[in-house]
Amino acid sequence: MSLNRQGPNKIDWTDVTLNPVVGCTHGCRYCYARRQAKRRKQSCQLCYDFVPHAHLKRLDKLSPKQKPKKIFLDSMWDWCCIDNDPEWMLTILEKISECSQHTFQVLTKQPWGYARYDWPANVWLGVSIDGRDYEEKKISFLRYFVPDEQLKFVSFEPLLGPIEPNLKEIDWVIIGANSNRGAPKPPDEWADRIIEKARQERCAVWVKNNYKYHTKSKEFPGD
């Protein structure tokens, strides 16, 4: 089994997506992963139903002998979903530690759940928020529940409204649009506000192509 890079139309801020778990019970109305999982009916009914379940055999694609890559681990699930089996998480963490040359990117909508685990240094921990004001508190939870030395990032995708977030101690922000067919393009001004706050905190900015922003910004932490 090999670890293949993504095609040009996939998630552009990572090298590889790998989902040792599939499914989530958050029920977000704009969830792209649930739509993608519907294509798996013939091969996995649980994927089709989007019930959290493990495909841990996919971890065999990872080896400490591989060249370093950025690997997004949960594009089709949420690490902190309450329905995940803790044994799955521990198995995944063991593999992360074994493959210390890779950088693993993890996202959740429930950052308080990060406190349940001891995180290897090669993991970037992020929170996904959609830009509505009441969701900004999740950035505070990310700061509170994630160790200071761990790299922290915020994914504003889909960005559904204007927000001026507090990005103190945040290393990276991603800005993206709603990928559902027919969804309106968000105004550039919404991204402008986030980018201004990011610059004040010397925070790297990655604007996804689907936002159709007027200026290209493809920065990683440390660039």
N, C-alpha and C. Protein backbone atom coordinates (compact mmCIF):
# COMPACT_ATOMS: atom_id res chain seq x y z
N MET A 1 0.85 -1.20 0.00
CA MET A 1 0.00 0.00 0.00
C MET A 1 0.88 1.25 0.00
N SER A 2 0.56 2.20 -0.85
CA SER A 2 1.38 3.40 -0.96
C SER A 2 0.59 4.63 -0.51
N LEU A 3 1.33 5.65 -0.14
CA LEU A 3 0.73 6.91 0.29
C LEU A 3 0.81 7.88 -0.87
N ASN A 4 -0.29 8.08 -1.54
CA ASN A 4 -0.30 8.88 -2.76
C ASN A 4 -0.70 10.32 -2.47
N ARG A 5 -0.08 11.22 -3.23
CA ARG A 5 -0.46 12.63 -3.14
C ARG A 5 -1.82 12.85 -3.80
N GLN A 6 -2.44 13.99 -3.44
CA GLN A 6 -3.74 14.30 -3.97
C GLN A 6 -3.64 14.84 -5.39
N GLY A 7 -4.76 14.80 -6.09
CA GLY A 7 -4.86 15.44 -7.39
C GLY A 7 -5.02 16.94 -7.23
N PRO A 8 -5.00 17.69 -8.35
CA PRO A 8 -5.01 19.15 -8.31
C PRO A 8 -6.30 19.75 -7.77
N ASN A 9 -7.40 18.99 -7.73
CA ASN A 9 -8.67 19.54 -7.29
C ASN A 9 -9.02 19.15 -5.86
N LYS A 10 -8.07 18.60 -5.15
CA LYS A 10 -8.33 18.18 -3.78
C LYS A 10 -7.97 19.29 -2.81
N ILE A 11 -7.92 18.95 -1.51
CA ILE A 11 -7.63 19.95 -0.48
C ILE A 11 -6.22 20.47 -0.69
N ASP A 12 -6.09 21.75 -0.96
CA ASP A 12 -4.81 22.26 -1.45
C ASP A 12 -3.81 22.61 -0.36
N TRP A 13 -4.22 22.57 0.91
CA TRP A 13 -3.28 22.94 1.97
C TRP A 13 -2.63 21.73 2.63
N THR A 14 -2.77 20.57 2.02
CA THR A 14 -2.12 19.37 2.52
C THR A 14 -1.57 18.58 1.35
N ASP A 15 -0.68 17.63 1.62
CA ASP A 15 -0.16 16.76 0.57
C ASP A 15 -1.05 15.54 0.36
N VAL A 16 -1.56 14.99 1.47
CA VAL A 16 -2.28 13.73 1.43
C VAL A 16 -3.44 13.78 2.41
N THR A 17 -4.58 13.21 2.03
CA THR A 17 -5.65 12.97 3.00
C THR A 17 -5.69 11.47 3.29
N LEU A 18 -5.87 11.15 4.56
CA LEU A 18 -5.94 9.75 4.99
C LEU A 18 -6.98 9.68 6.10
N ASN A 19 -7.98 8.83 5.91
CA ASN A 19 -9.09 8.76 6.87
C ASN A 19 -9.21 7.36 7.47
N PRO A 20 -8.52 7.11 8.59
CA PRO A 20 -8.64 5.81 9.24
C PRO A 20 -9.98 5.62 9.94
N VAL A 21 -10.77 6.68 10.01
CA VAL A 21 -12.14 6.64 10.51
C VAL A 21 -13.00 7.41 9.52
N VAL A 22 -14.24 7.01 9.38
CA VAL A 22 -15.19 7.72 8.53
C VAL A 22 -16.50 7.85 9.30
N GLY A 23 -17.15 9.03 9.16
CA GLY A 23 -18.46 9.23 9.76
C GLY A 23 -18.43 10.22 10.90
N CYS A 24 -19.56 10.89 11.09
CA CYS A 24 -19.66 11.92 12.13
C CYS A 24 -21.12 12.13 12.45
N THR A 25 -21.41 12.52 13.68
CA THR A 25 -22.80 12.74 14.11
C THR A 25 -23.08 14.21 14.41
N HIS A 26 -22.20 15.12 14.00
CA HIS A 26 -22.45 16.54 14.27
C HIS A 26 -23.67 17.07 13.49
N GLY A 27 -23.88 16.56 12.28
CA GLY A 27 -25.06 16.96 11.52
C GLY A 27 -25.01 18.35 10.90
N CYS A 28 -23.81 18.84 10.54
CA CYS A 28 -23.70 20.17 9.92
C CYS A 28 -24.42 20.17 8.57
N ARG A 29 -25.24 21.17 8.33
CA ARG A 29 -26.09 21.19 7.14
C ARG A 29 -25.27 21.34 5.85
N TYR A 30 -24.05 21.88 5.96
CA TYR A 30 -23.25 22.11 4.76
C TYR A 30 -22.14 21.07 4.60
N CYS A 31 -22.21 19.96 5.28
CA CYS A 31 -21.12 18.96 5.32
C CYS A 31 -20.85 18.36 3.95
N TYR A 32 -19.64 18.57 3.44
CA TYR A 32 -19.25 17.99 2.15
C TYR A 32 -18.90 16.51 2.31
N ALA A 33 -18.39 16.13 3.50
CA ALA A 33 -17.94 14.75 3.70
C ALA A 33 -19.11 13.78 3.64
N ARG A 34 -20.24 14.17 4.19
CA ARG A 34 -21.42 13.30 4.13
C ARG A 34 -21.84 13.07 2.66
N ARG A 35 -21.75 14.12 1.85
CA ARG A 35 -22.09 13.98 0.43
C ARG A 35 -21.12 13.00 -0.25
N GLN A 36 -19.84 13.14 0.05
CA GLN A 36 -18.86 12.25 -0.57
C GLN A 36 -19.06 10.80 -0.14
N ALA A 37 -19.43 10.60 1.12
CA ALA A 37 -19.59 9.25 1.65
C ALA A 37 -20.74 8.51 0.98
N LYS A 38 -21.71 9.24 0.47
CA LYS A 38 -22.84 8.61 -0.20
C LYS A 38 -22.41 7.80 -1.43
N ARG A 39 -21.20 8.10 -1.92
CA ARG A 39 -20.70 7.38 -3.10
C ARG A 39 -20.18 5.98 -2.75
N ARG A 40 -20.10 5.68 -1.45
CA ARG A 40 -19.47 4.43 -1.02
C ARG A 40 -20.48 3.31 -0.74
N LYS A 41 -21.73 3.48 -1.16
CA LYS A 41 -22.76 2.51 -0.78
C LYS A 41 -22.41 1.09 -1.21
N GLN A 42 -21.81 0.94 -2.37
CA GLN A 42 -21.52 -0.39 -2.87
C GLN A 42 -20.37 -1.07 -2.13
N SER A 43 -19.46 -0.26 -1.54
CA SER A 43 -18.28 -0.84 -0.90
C SER A 43 -18.37 -0.83 0.63
N CYS A 44 -19.14 0.10 1.21
CA CYS A 44 -19.23 0.17 2.68
C CYS A 44 -20.53 0.87 3.07
N GLN A 45 -21.45 0.10 3.61
CA GLN A 45 -22.74 0.67 4.00
C GLN A 45 -22.59 1.69 5.13
N LEU A 46 -21.65 1.45 6.04
CA LEU A 46 -21.47 2.39 7.15
C LEU A 46 -20.94 3.73 6.66
N CYS A 47 -20.08 3.71 5.63
CA CYS A 47 -19.65 4.97 5.03
C CYS A 47 -20.85 5.70 4.44
N TYR A 48 -21.68 4.95 3.71
CA TYR A 48 -22.87 5.55 3.09
C TYR A 48 -23.79 6.17 4.14
N ASP A 49 -23.96 5.49 5.27
CA ASP A 49 -24.81 6.00 6.35
C ASP A 49 -24.12 7.07 7.19
N PHE A 50 -22.82 7.22 7.00
CA PHE A 50 -21.99 8.20 7.70
C PHE A 50 -21.99 7.98 9.22
N VAL A 51 -22.05 6.73 9.59
CA VAL A 51 -21.95 6.34 11.00
C VAL A 51 -20.47 6.22 11.34
N PRO A 52 -19.99 6.83 12.44
CA PRO A 52 -18.57 6.71 12.78
C PRO A 52 -18.12 5.26 12.91
N HIS A 53 -17.12 4.89 12.12
CA HIS A 53 -16.59 3.53 12.14
C HIS A 53 -15.15 3.58 11.65
N ALA A 54 -14.38 2.56 11.98
CA ALA A 54 -12.94 2.57 11.70
C ALA A 54 -12.59 1.82 10.42
N HIS A 55 -11.58 2.35 9.74
CA HIS A 55 -10.88 1.66 8.64
C HIS A 55 -9.38 1.72 8.97
N LEU A 56 -9.01 1.13 10.09
CA LEU A 56 -7.65 1.28 10.60
C LEU A 56 -6.60 0.62 9.71
N LYS A 57 -7.04 -0.27 8.81
CA LYS A 57 -6.09 -0.88 7.89
C LYS A 57 -5.42 0.17 7.01
N ARG A 58 -6.05 1.31 6.85
CA ARG A 58 -5.47 2.39 6.04
C ARG A 58 -4.20 2.95 6.65
N LEU A 59 -4.02 2.75 7.94
CA LEU A 59 -2.79 3.20 8.59
C LEU A 59 -1.57 2.46 8.08
N ASP A 60 -1.78 1.30 7.45
CA ASP A 60 -0.67 0.55 6.88
C ASP A 60 0.01 1.31 5.75
N LYS A 61 -0.64 2.34 5.22
CA LYS A 61 -0.03 3.16 4.18
C LYS A 61 1.08 4.04 4.73
N LEU A 62 1.16 4.16 6.04
CA LEU A 62 2.16 5.01 6.68
C LEU A 62 3.36 4.20 7.12
N SER A 63 4.54 4.77 6.87
CA SER A 63 5.78 4.10 7.26
C SER A 63 6.80 5.15 7.69
N PRO A 64 7.61 4.84 8.70
CA PRO A 64 8.66 5.78 9.11
C PRO A 64 9.75 5.95 8.06
N LYS A 65 9.74 5.14 7.01
CA LYS A 65 10.76 5.23 5.96
C LYS A 65 10.36 6.18 4.83
N GLN A 66 9.12 6.68 4.86
CA GLN A 66 8.65 7.56 3.79
C GLN A 66 9.26 8.95 3.89
N LYS A 67 9.28 9.66 2.75
CA LYS A 67 9.68 11.06 2.77
C LYS A 67 8.62 11.88 3.50
N PRO A 68 9.02 12.96 4.17
CA PRO A 68 8.05 13.74 4.96
C PRO A 68 6.94 14.34 4.08
N LYS A 69 5.74 14.28 4.61
CA LYS A 69 4.57 14.87 3.96
C LYS A 69 3.66 15.50 5.01
N LYS A 70 2.83 16.41 4.56
CA LYS A 70 1.73 16.92 5.39
C LYS A 70 0.53 16.02 5.12
N ILE A 71 -0.04 15.47 6.18
CA ILE A 71 -1.11 14.49 6.03
C ILE A 71 -2.32 14.96 6.84
N PHE A 72 -3.43 15.22 6.15
CA PHE A 72 -4.68 15.61 6.80
C PHE A 72 -5.43 14.34 7.18
N LEU A 73 -5.64 14.14 8.47
CA LEU A 73 -6.11 12.85 8.97
C LEU A 73 -7.62 12.71 9.08
N ASP A 74 -8.38 13.79 9.04
CA ASP A 74 -9.81 13.62 9.28
C ASP A 74 -10.68 14.51 8.39
N SER A 75 -10.51 14.34 7.08
CA SER A 75 -11.37 15.08 6.17
C SER A 75 -12.77 14.47 6.08
N MET A 76 -12.92 13.19 6.51
CA MET A 76 -14.21 12.50 6.43
C MET A 76 -14.76 12.12 7.79
N TRP A 77 -14.25 12.78 8.83
CA TRP A 77 -14.74 12.53 10.19
C TRP A 77 -14.25 13.65 11.08
N ASP A 78 -14.61 13.63 12.34
CA ASP A 78 -14.17 14.64 13.30
C ASP A 78 -13.50 13.92 14.46
N TRP A 79 -12.23 14.27 14.71
CA TRP A 79 -11.46 13.58 15.75
C TRP A 79 -12.18 13.57 17.10
N CYS A 80 -12.86 14.63 17.43
CA CYS A 80 -13.47 14.76 18.76
C CYS A 80 -14.95 14.41 18.79
N CYS A 81 -15.44 13.76 17.74
CA CYS A 81 -16.83 13.29 17.76
C CYS A 81 -17.02 12.32 18.93
N ILE A 82 -18.05 12.51 19.72
CA ILE A 82 -18.26 11.73 20.93
C ILE A 82 -18.48 10.25 20.63
N ASP A 83 -18.86 9.91 19.39
CA ASP A 83 -19.15 8.52 19.05
C ASP A 83 -17.91 7.74 18.62
N ASN A 84 -16.75 8.38 18.57
CA ASN A 84 -15.53 7.66 18.22
C ASN A 84 -15.09 6.75 19.37
N ASP A 85 -14.61 5.58 19.03
CA ASP A 85 -14.09 4.65 20.03
C ASP A 85 -12.68 5.11 20.44
N PRO A 86 -12.42 5.34 21.74
CA PRO A 86 -11.08 5.78 22.17
C PRO A 86 -9.96 4.86 21.72
N GLU A 87 -10.24 3.58 21.54
CA GLU A 87 -9.21 2.65 21.09
C GLU A 87 -8.77 2.98 19.66
N TRP A 88 -9.69 3.46 18.83
CA TRP A 88 -9.29 3.88 17.49
C TRP A 88 -8.27 5.01 17.58
N MET A 89 -8.58 5.97 18.46
CA MET A 89 -7.73 7.15 18.57
C MET A 89 -6.33 6.78 19.04
N LEU A 90 -6.25 5.88 20.00
CA LEU A 90 -4.95 5.48 20.53
C LEU A 90 -4.13 4.76 19.47
N THR A 91 -4.79 3.93 18.66
CA THR A 91 -4.09 3.24 17.57
C THR A 91 -3.53 4.25 16.57
N ILE A 92 -4.33 5.25 16.24
CA ILE A 92 -3.88 6.28 15.29
C ILE A 92 -2.72 7.07 15.88
N LEU A 93 -2.80 7.42 17.16
CA LEU A 93 -1.73 8.18 17.80
C LEU A 93 -0.42 7.40 17.84
N GLU A 94 -0.52 6.10 18.03
CA GLU A 94 0.70 5.28 17.99
C GLU A 94 1.37 5.35 16.62
N LYS A 95 0.57 5.30 15.58
CA LYS A 95 1.13 5.39 14.23
C LYS A 95 1.71 6.77 13.97
N ILE A 96 1.07 7.82 14.46
CA ILE A 96 1.59 9.18 14.32
C ILE A 96 2.97 9.28 14.96
N SER A 97 3.11 8.74 16.16
CA SER A 97 4.39 8.78 16.86
C SER A 97 5.45 7.98 16.12
N GLU A 98 5.05 6.87 15.54
CA GLU A 98 5.98 6.02 14.81
C GLU A 98 6.51 6.74 13.56
N CYS A 99 5.67 7.54 12.93
CA CYS A 99 6.03 8.24 11.68
C CYS A 99 6.31 9.71 11.98
N SER A 100 7.32 9.95 12.75
CA SER A 100 7.60 11.29 13.23
C SER A 100 8.09 12.24 12.15
N GLN A 101 8.45 11.70 10.98
CA GLN A 101 8.91 12.57 9.89
C GLN A 101 7.76 13.31 9.23
N HIS A 102 6.55 12.77 9.35
CA HIS A 102 5.38 13.39 8.75
C HIS A 102 4.80 14.47 9.67
N THR A 103 4.10 15.42 9.08
CA THR A 103 3.31 16.39 9.83
C THR A 103 1.85 16.01 9.65
N PHE A 104 1.16 15.75 10.75
CA PHE A 104 -0.24 15.35 10.70
C PHE A 104 -1.13 16.53 11.08
N GLN A 105 -2.11 16.80 10.23
CA GLN A 105 -3.03 17.92 10.43
C GLN A 105 -4.39 17.36 10.85
N VAL A 106 -4.91 17.88 11.96
CA VAL A 106 -6.16 17.39 12.54
C VAL A 106 -7.11 18.57 12.76
N LEU A 107 -8.38 18.37 12.42
CA LEU A 107 -9.39 19.41 12.61
C LEU A 107 -10.56 18.87 13.41
N THR A 108 -11.21 19.76 14.17
CA THR A 108 -12.42 19.39 14.89
C THR A 108 -13.32 20.61 15.03
N LYS A 109 -14.59 20.35 15.26
CA LYS A 109 -15.51 21.41 15.62
C LYS A 109 -15.69 21.48 17.14
N GLN A 110 -15.04 20.58 17.88
CA GLN A 110 -15.18 20.51 19.33
C GLN A 110 -13.78 20.46 19.97
N PRO A 111 -13.07 21.58 20.00
CA PRO A 111 -11.66 21.57 20.42
C PRO A 111 -11.44 21.18 21.87
N TRP A 112 -12.46 21.26 22.70
CA TRP A 112 -12.30 20.81 24.09
C TRP A 112 -11.97 19.32 24.15
N GLY A 113 -12.33 18.58 23.10
CA GLY A 113 -12.03 17.15 23.07
C GLY A 113 -10.56 16.84 22.93
N TYR A 114 -9.75 17.81 22.49
CA TYR A 114 -8.32 17.57 22.35
C TYR A 114 -7.66 17.27 23.69
N ALA A 115 -8.27 17.72 24.77
CA ALA A 115 -7.68 17.53 26.10
C ALA A 115 -7.65 16.06 26.52
N ARG A 116 -8.35 15.19 25.80
CA ARG A 116 -8.39 13.77 26.17
C ARG A 116 -7.11 13.02 25.81
N TYR A 117 -6.24 13.64 24.99
CA TYR A 117 -5.12 12.90 24.42
C TYR A 117 -3.78 13.58 24.68
N ASP A 118 -2.73 12.77 24.67
CA ASP A 118 -1.36 13.28 24.68
C ASP A 118 -0.89 13.33 23.23
N TRP A 119 -0.51 14.53 22.79
CA TRP A 119 -0.25 14.73 21.37
C TRP A 119 1.24 14.73 21.05
N PRO A 120 1.65 13.94 20.07
CA PRO A 120 3.04 14.03 19.60
C PRO A 120 3.31 15.41 19.01
N ALA A 121 4.57 15.77 18.96
CA ALA A 121 4.95 17.11 18.49
C ALA A 121 4.68 17.31 17.01
N ASN A 122 4.54 16.23 16.24
CA ASN A 122 4.37 16.35 14.79
C ASN A 122 2.90 16.45 14.37
N VAL A 123 2.04 16.92 15.28
CA VAL A 123 0.62 17.10 14.97
C VAL A 123 0.26 18.58 15.05
N TRP A 124 -0.40 19.09 14.02
CA TRP A 124 -0.99 20.42 14.04
C TRP A 124 -2.46 20.26 14.40
N LEU A 125 -2.92 20.99 15.41
CA LEU A 125 -4.29 20.86 15.89
C LEU A 125 -5.09 22.09 15.51
N GLY A 126 -6.23 21.87 14.87
CA GLY A 126 -7.03 22.99 14.40
C GLY A 126 -8.48 22.90 14.83
N VAL A 127 -9.17 24.03 14.70
CA VAL A 127 -10.61 24.09 14.93
C VAL A 127 -11.27 24.63 13.68
N SER A 128 -12.39 24.05 13.33
CA SER A 128 -13.16 24.48 12.17
C SER A 128 -14.35 25.31 12.65
N ILE A 129 -14.43 26.56 12.19
CA ILE A 129 -15.57 27.40 12.52
C ILE A 129 -16.06 28.08 11.24
N ASP A 130 -17.34 28.46 11.23
CA ASP A 130 -17.91 28.99 9.99
C ASP A 130 -18.07 30.51 10.00
N GLY A 131 -17.51 31.17 11.00
CA GLY A 131 -17.47 32.63 10.98
C GLY A 131 -18.61 33.31 11.69
N ARG A 132 -19.59 32.58 12.15
CA ARG A 132 -20.66 33.22 12.90
C ARG A 132 -20.14 33.60 14.28
N ASP A 133 -20.60 34.72 14.80
CA ASP A 133 -20.02 35.30 16.01
C ASP A 133 -19.98 34.33 17.18
N TYR A 134 -21.05 33.57 17.37
CA TYR A 134 -21.11 32.71 18.55
C TYR A 134 -20.10 31.57 18.48
N GLU A 135 -19.55 31.31 17.31
CA GLU A 135 -18.56 30.23 17.17
C GLU A 135 -17.15 30.69 17.52
N GLU A 136 -16.93 32.00 17.66
CA GLU A 136 -15.57 32.48 17.91
C GLU A 136 -15.01 31.93 19.22
N LYS A 137 -15.89 31.63 20.17
CA LYS A 137 -15.41 31.10 21.45
C LYS A 137 -14.63 29.80 21.28
N LYS A 138 -14.85 29.09 20.16
CA LYS A 138 -14.12 27.85 19.94
C LYS A 138 -12.63 28.10 19.77
N ILE A 139 -12.25 29.29 19.28
CA ILE A 139 -10.83 29.61 19.18
C ILE A 139 -10.23 29.72 20.57
N SER A 140 -10.98 30.28 21.50
CA SER A 140 -10.51 30.35 22.89
C SER A 140 -10.35 28.96 23.48
N PHE A 141 -11.28 28.05 23.15
CA PHE A 141 -11.16 26.67 23.62
C PHE A 141 -9.91 26.01 23.06
N LEU A 142 -9.59 26.31 21.80
CA LEU A 142 -8.38 25.75 21.19
C LEU A 142 -7.15 26.19 21.97
N ARG A 143 -7.08 27.47 22.31
CA ARG A 143 -5.94 27.96 23.09
C ARG A 143 -5.89 27.30 24.46
N TYR A 144 -7.06 27.11 25.07
CA TYR A 144 -7.11 26.62 26.45
C TYR A 144 -6.80 25.12 26.55
N PHE A 145 -7.31 24.34 25.61
CA PHE A 145 -7.22 22.89 25.74
C PHE A 145 -6.04 22.27 25.00
N VAL A 146 -5.32 23.06 24.21
CA VAL A 146 -4.16 22.54 23.47
C VAL A 146 -2.89 23.09 24.10
N PRO A 147 -1.87 22.27 24.33
CA PRO A 147 -0.63 22.75 24.96
C PRO A 147 0.00 23.90 24.18
N ASP A 148 0.67 24.77 24.89
CA ASP A 148 1.27 25.96 24.27
C ASP A 148 2.22 25.60 23.15
N GLU A 149 2.96 24.51 23.30
CA GLU A 149 4.00 24.17 22.31
C GLU A 149 3.42 23.55 21.04
N GLN A 150 2.13 23.18 21.05
CA GLN A 150 1.53 22.55 19.88
C GLN A 150 1.12 23.61 18.86
N LEU A 151 1.37 23.35 17.58
CA LEU A 151 0.94 24.29 16.55
C LEU A 151 -0.58 24.28 16.44
N LYS A 152 -1.16 25.48 16.41
CA LYS A 152 -2.62 25.64 16.42
C LYS A 152 -3.07 26.38 15.16
N PHE A 153 -4.18 25.93 14.58
CA PHE A 153 -4.69 26.63 13.42
C PHE A 153 -6.21 26.67 13.43
N VAL A 154 -6.75 27.61 12.65
CA VAL A 154 -8.20 27.78 12.55
C VAL A 154 -8.59 27.71 11.08
N SER A 155 -9.58 26.88 10.78
CA SER A 155 -10.11 26.79 9.43
C SER A 155 -11.46 27.50 9.39
N PHE A 156 -11.51 28.64 8.70
CA PHE A 156 -12.76 29.36 8.52
C PHE A 156 -13.39 28.86 7.20
N GLU A 157 -13.99 27.69 7.28
CA GLU A 157 -14.58 27.10 6.08
C GLU A 157 -15.74 26.19 6.45
N PRO A 158 -16.91 26.42 5.86
CA PRO A 158 -17.20 27.54 4.97
C PRO A 158 -17.40 28.83 5.77
N LEU A 159 -16.88 29.92 5.24
CA LEU A 159 -17.05 31.22 5.89
C LEU A 159 -18.44 31.74 5.53
N LEU A 160 -19.31 31.83 6.53
CA LEU A 160 -20.72 32.16 6.29
C LEU A 160 -21.11 33.56 6.74
N GLY A 161 -20.16 34.29 7.31
CA GLY A 161 -20.49 35.63 7.77
C GLY A 161 -19.24 36.38 8.18
N PRO A 162 -19.37 37.70 8.38
CA PRO A 162 -18.22 38.51 8.78
C PRO A 162 -17.84 38.25 10.23
N ILE A 163 -16.55 38.21 10.49
CA ILE A 163 -16.06 37.98 11.84
C ILE A 163 -14.69 38.61 11.98
N GLU A 164 -14.40 39.14 13.15
CA GLU A 164 -13.07 39.69 13.44
C GLU A 164 -12.50 38.91 14.62
N PRO A 165 -11.90 37.77 14.34
CA PRO A 165 -11.51 36.84 15.41
C PRO A 165 -10.27 37.29 16.16
N ASN A 166 -10.19 36.85 17.40
CA ASN A 166 -8.97 37.02 18.19
C ASN A 166 -8.05 35.85 17.85
N LEU A 167 -6.96 36.13 17.15
CA LEU A 167 -6.05 35.09 16.69
C LEU A 167 -4.76 35.05 17.50
N LYS A 168 -4.79 35.55 18.69
CA LYS A 168 -3.63 35.49 19.57
C LYS A 168 -3.23 34.02 19.79
N GLU A 169 -1.93 33.73 19.64
CA GLU A 169 -1.35 32.41 19.84
C GLU A 169 -1.80 31.39 18.78
N ILE A 170 -2.41 31.87 17.71
CA ILE A 170 -2.77 31.00 16.59
C ILE A 170 -1.68 31.12 15.52
N ASP A 171 -1.26 29.99 14.96
CA ASP A 171 -0.13 29.97 14.03
C ASP A 171 -0.53 30.04 12.56
N TRP A 172 -1.78 29.66 12.27
CA TRP A 172 -2.15 29.51 10.86
C TRP A 172 -3.65 29.64 10.74
N VAL A 173 -4.13 30.30 9.68
CA VAL A 173 -5.56 30.32 9.38
C VAL A 173 -5.78 29.89 7.94
N ILE A 174 -6.87 29.17 7.73
CA ILE A 174 -7.33 28.76 6.41
C ILE A 174 -8.69 29.42 6.19
N ILE A 175 -8.89 29.97 5.00
CA ILE A 175 -10.15 30.63 4.67
C ILE A 175 -10.72 29.98 3.42
N GLY A 176 -11.96 29.52 3.50
CA GLY A 176 -12.57 28.86 2.35
C GLY A 176 -14.06 29.15 2.27
N ALA A 177 -14.64 28.85 1.13
CA ALA A 177 -16.05 29.12 0.88
C ALA A 177 -16.88 27.84 1.01
N ASN A 178 -18.18 28.01 1.01
CA ASN A 178 -19.10 26.88 0.99
C ASN A 178 -18.98 26.18 -0.35
N SER A 179 -18.65 24.89 -0.34
CA SER A 179 -18.41 24.15 -1.58
C SER A 179 -19.66 23.51 -2.14
N ASN A 180 -20.81 23.69 -1.48
CA ASN A 180 -22.05 23.13 -2.01
C ASN A 180 -22.43 23.80 -3.33
N ARG A 181 -22.98 23.04 -4.23
CA ARG A 181 -23.37 23.57 -5.52
C ARG A 181 -24.40 24.70 -5.36
N GLY A 182 -24.16 25.81 -6.02
CA GLY A 182 -25.08 26.94 -5.97
C GLY A 182 -24.89 27.87 -4.78
N ALA A 183 -23.95 27.55 -3.88
CA ALA A 183 -23.71 28.42 -2.73
C ALA A 183 -23.13 29.75 -3.21
N PRO A 184 -23.57 30.88 -2.63
CA PRO A 184 -23.07 32.18 -3.07
C PRO A 184 -21.61 32.39 -2.68
N LYS A 185 -20.90 33.15 -3.48
CA LYS A 185 -19.52 33.50 -3.16
C LYS A 185 -19.50 34.48 -1.99
N PRO A 186 -18.71 34.22 -0.97
CA PRO A 186 -18.62 35.18 0.14
C PRO A 186 -17.89 36.44 -0.28
N PRO A 187 -18.23 37.59 0.30
CA PRO A 187 -17.55 38.84 -0.08
C PRO A 187 -16.07 38.82 0.30
N ASP A 188 -15.25 39.47 -0.49
CA ASP A 188 -13.83 39.59 -0.17
C ASP A 188 -13.63 40.26 1.18
N GLU A 189 -14.54 41.14 1.55
CA GLU A 189 -14.40 41.88 2.81
C GLU A 189 -14.37 40.95 4.01
N TRP A 190 -15.07 39.82 3.95
CA TRP A 190 -15.05 38.90 5.08
C TRP A 190 -13.65 38.31 5.26
N ALA A 191 -13.02 37.95 4.16
CA ALA A 191 -11.65 37.45 4.24
C ALA A 191 -10.69 38.56 4.65
N ASP A 192 -10.93 39.78 4.16
CA ASP A 192 -10.08 40.92 4.51
C ASP A 192 -9.97 41.07 6.02
N ARG A 193 -11.09 40.96 6.72
CA ARG A 193 -11.10 41.15 8.17
C ARG A 193 -10.24 40.11 8.88
N ILE A 194 -10.37 38.85 8.45
CA ILE A 194 -9.60 37.78 9.08
C ILE A 194 -8.11 37.96 8.79
N ILE A 195 -7.79 38.30 7.55
CA ILE A 195 -6.39 38.46 7.17
C ILE A 195 -5.75 39.62 7.94
N GLU A 196 -6.49 40.70 8.13
CA GLU A 196 -5.96 41.82 8.91
C GLU A 196 -5.62 41.40 10.33
N LYS A 197 -6.52 40.61 10.94
CA LYS A 197 -6.25 40.12 12.30
C LYS A 197 -5.06 39.17 12.31
N ALA A 198 -4.95 38.35 11.27
CA ALA A 198 -3.83 37.41 11.19
C ALA A 198 -2.51 38.15 11.07
N ARG A 199 -2.46 39.20 10.26
CA ARG A 199 -1.22 39.96 10.10
C ARG A 199 -0.80 40.60 11.41
N GLN A 200 -1.77 41.05 12.20
CA GLN A 200 -1.44 41.65 13.48
C GLN A 200 -0.77 40.67 14.42
N GLU A 201 -1.10 39.38 14.28
CA GLU A 201 -0.53 38.34 15.15
C GLU A 201 0.59 37.55 14.46
N ARG A 202 1.01 38.01 13.26
CA ARG A 202 2.05 37.32 12.49
C ARG A 202 1.68 35.85 12.27
N CYS A 203 0.45 35.67 11.86
CA CYS A 203 -0.14 34.36 11.65
C CYS A 203 -0.19 34.06 10.15
N ALA A 204 0.27 32.90 9.74
CA ALA A 204 0.25 32.53 8.32
C ALA A 204 -1.18 32.40 7.81
N VAL A 205 -1.38 32.72 6.53
CA VAL A 205 -2.72 32.73 5.93
C VAL A 205 -2.74 31.88 4.66
N TRP A 206 -3.72 31.00 4.57
CA TRP A 206 -3.94 30.21 3.36
C TRP A 206 -5.39 30.44 2.93
N VAL A 207 -5.58 31.04 1.76
CA VAL A 207 -6.91 31.25 1.20
C VAL A 207 -7.14 30.20 0.12
N LYS A 208 -8.17 29.39 0.29
CA LYS A 208 -8.44 28.32 -0.68
C LYS A 208 -8.94 28.90 -2.00
N ASN A 209 -8.68 28.16 -3.04
CA ASN A 209 -9.09 28.61 -4.37
C ASN A 209 -10.60 28.79 -4.49
N ASN A 210 -11.36 27.99 -3.74
CA ASN A 210 -12.81 28.07 -3.87
C ASN A 210 -13.39 29.39 -3.35
N TYR A 211 -12.58 30.16 -2.62
CA TYR A 211 -13.06 31.46 -2.15
C TYR A 211 -13.04 32.49 -3.28
N LYS A 212 -12.21 32.27 -4.29
CA LYS A 212 -12.06 33.19 -5.42
C LYS A 212 -11.69 34.60 -4.94
N TYR A 213 -10.75 34.61 -4.02
CA TYR A 213 -10.28 35.87 -3.43
C TYR A 213 -9.40 36.60 -4.44
N HIS A 214 -9.36 37.92 -4.30
CA HIS A 214 -8.68 38.73 -5.31
C HIS A 214 -7.15 38.60 -5.26
N THR A 215 -6.61 38.11 -4.15
CA THR A 215 -5.16 38.00 -4.00
C THR A 215 -4.79 36.58 -3.56
N LYS A 216 -3.78 36.02 -4.17
CA LYS A 216 -3.33 34.68 -3.78
C LYS A 216 -2.59 34.73 -2.45
N SER A 217 -2.95 33.85 -1.54
CA SER A 217 -2.23 33.74 -0.27
C SER A 217 -2.14 32.26 0.08
N LYS A 218 -0.94 31.69 -0.04
CA LYS A 218 -0.71 30.27 0.22
C LYS A 218 0.48 30.13 1.17
N GLU A 219 0.29 30.48 2.41
CA GLU A 219 1.37 30.47 3.40
C GLU A 219 1.19 29.32 4.38
N PHE A 220 2.30 28.69 4.71
CA PHE A 220 2.34 27.71 5.80
C PHE A 220 3.01 28.35 7.00
N PRO A 221 2.74 27.84 8.19
CA PRO A 221 3.46 28.33 9.38
C PRO A 221 4.96 28.20 9.17
N GLY A 222 5.69 29.24 9.50
CA GLY A 222 7.13 29.23 9.35
C GLY A 222 7.64 29.78 8.04
N ASP A 223 6.72 29.99 7.06
CA ASP A 223 7.15 30.58 5.77
C ASP A 223 7.65 32.00 5.99
